[in-house]
Protein backbone atom coordinates (compact mmCIF):
# COMPACT_ATOMS: atom_id res chain seq x y z
CA UNK A 1 0.00 0.00 0.00
CA UNK A 2 1.75 3.19 -1.16
CA UNK A 3 1.84 6.12 1.25
CA UNK A 4 2.98 9.39 -0.26
CA UNK A 5 3.77 12.30 2.04
CA UNK A 6 4.17 15.81 0.68
CA UNK A 7 5.06 18.88 2.70
CA UNK A 8 4.19 22.45 1.75
CA UNK A 9 4.37 25.70 3.63
CA UNK A 10 1.14 26.55 5.42
CA UNK A 11 -1.37 28.09 3.05
CA UNK A 12 0.61 27.31 -0.11
CA UNK A 13 -2.29 25.31 -1.55
CA UNK A 14 -6.03 25.73 -1.43
CA UNK A 15 -8.24 22.79 -0.48
CA UNK A 16 -9.14 22.42 -4.16
CA UNK A 17 -5.46 22.30 -5.16
CA UNK A 18 -4.72 19.69 -2.49
CA UNK A 19 -7.54 17.49 -3.76
CA UNK A 20 -6.41 17.88 -7.36
CA UNK A 21 -2.80 17.08 -6.48
CA UNK A 22 -3.78 14.01 -4.45
CA UNK A 23 -5.95 12.71 -7.31
CA UNK A 24 -3.15 13.18 -9.85
CA UNK A 25 -0.60 11.47 -7.62
CA UNK A 26 -3.03 8.61 -7.00
CA UNK A 27 -3.64 8.21 -10.74
CA UNK A 28 0.10 8.06 -11.39
CA UNK A 29 0.66 5.43 -8.69
CA UNK A 30 -2.25 3.34 -10.03
CA UNK A 31 -0.85 3.61 -13.56
CA UNK A 32 2.58 2.39 -12.46
CA UNK A 33 1.63 -0.23 -9.86
CA UNK A 34 -1.68 -1.49 -11.28
CA UNK A 35 -3.03 -1.54 -7.71
CA UNK A 36 -6.54 -0.31 -6.89
CA UNK A 37 -6.64 3.43 -6.20
CA UNK A 38 -8.06 2.75 -2.72
CA UNK A 39 -4.64 1.32 -1.79
CA UNK A 40 -2.89 4.65 -2.35
CA UNK A 41 -2.74 7.11 0.51
CA UNK A 42 -1.62 10.72 0.06
CA UNK A 43 -0.87 12.92 3.06
CA UNK A 44 -0.34 16.62 2.50
CA UNK A 45 1.35 18.14 5.52
CA UNK A 46 1.71 21.87 6.08
CA UNK A 47 4.55 23.49 8.00
CA UNK A 48 4.76 27.15 8.94
CA UNK A 49 7.08 29.01 6.59
CA UNK A 50 9.32 29.86 9.56
CA UNK A 51 10.12 26.13 9.91
CA UNK A 52 11.64 25.92 6.41
CA UNK A 53 15.32 26.71 6.18
CA UNK A 54 17.84 26.61 3.35
CA UNK A 55 21.47 27.48 3.81
CA UNK A 56 20.75 28.28 7.46
CA UNK A 57 18.21 30.97 6.54
CA UNK A 58 14.45 30.88 6.98
CA UNK A 59 12.27 31.39 3.92
CA UNK A 60 11.29 34.91 5.09
CA UNK A 61 15.02 35.73 5.44
CA UNK A 62 15.72 34.34 1.97
CA UNK A 63 12.85 36.36 0.49
CA UNK A 64 14.13 39.53 2.17
CA UNK A 65 17.65 38.89 0.88
CA UNK A 66 16.41 38.24 -2.65
CA UNK A 67 14.23 41.36 -2.52
CA UNK A 68 17.32 43.40 -1.64
CA UNK A 69 19.05 41.85 -4.65
CA UNK A 70 15.94 42.66 -6.72
CA UNK A 71 15.05 38.98 -7.22
CA UNK A 72 11.66 37.80 -6.05
CA UNK A 73 10.29 34.34 -5.26
CA UNK A 74 6.72 33.62 -4.31
């Protein structure tokens, strides 16, 4: 039984987007494994943006740094 866990920052996806993503992932797993779709579990976990770090910087710190350099990420 496949269990797929995906983590996004809190609020990155709407409920509709989460449902769409889970359905697409399920379809892909079914296509590859030939198992019934009911066997595939998808968990979408949300973490506050402050809990995400890259290079020792939080996402808000990275965004601020990029803004100073005139580069923007969403």
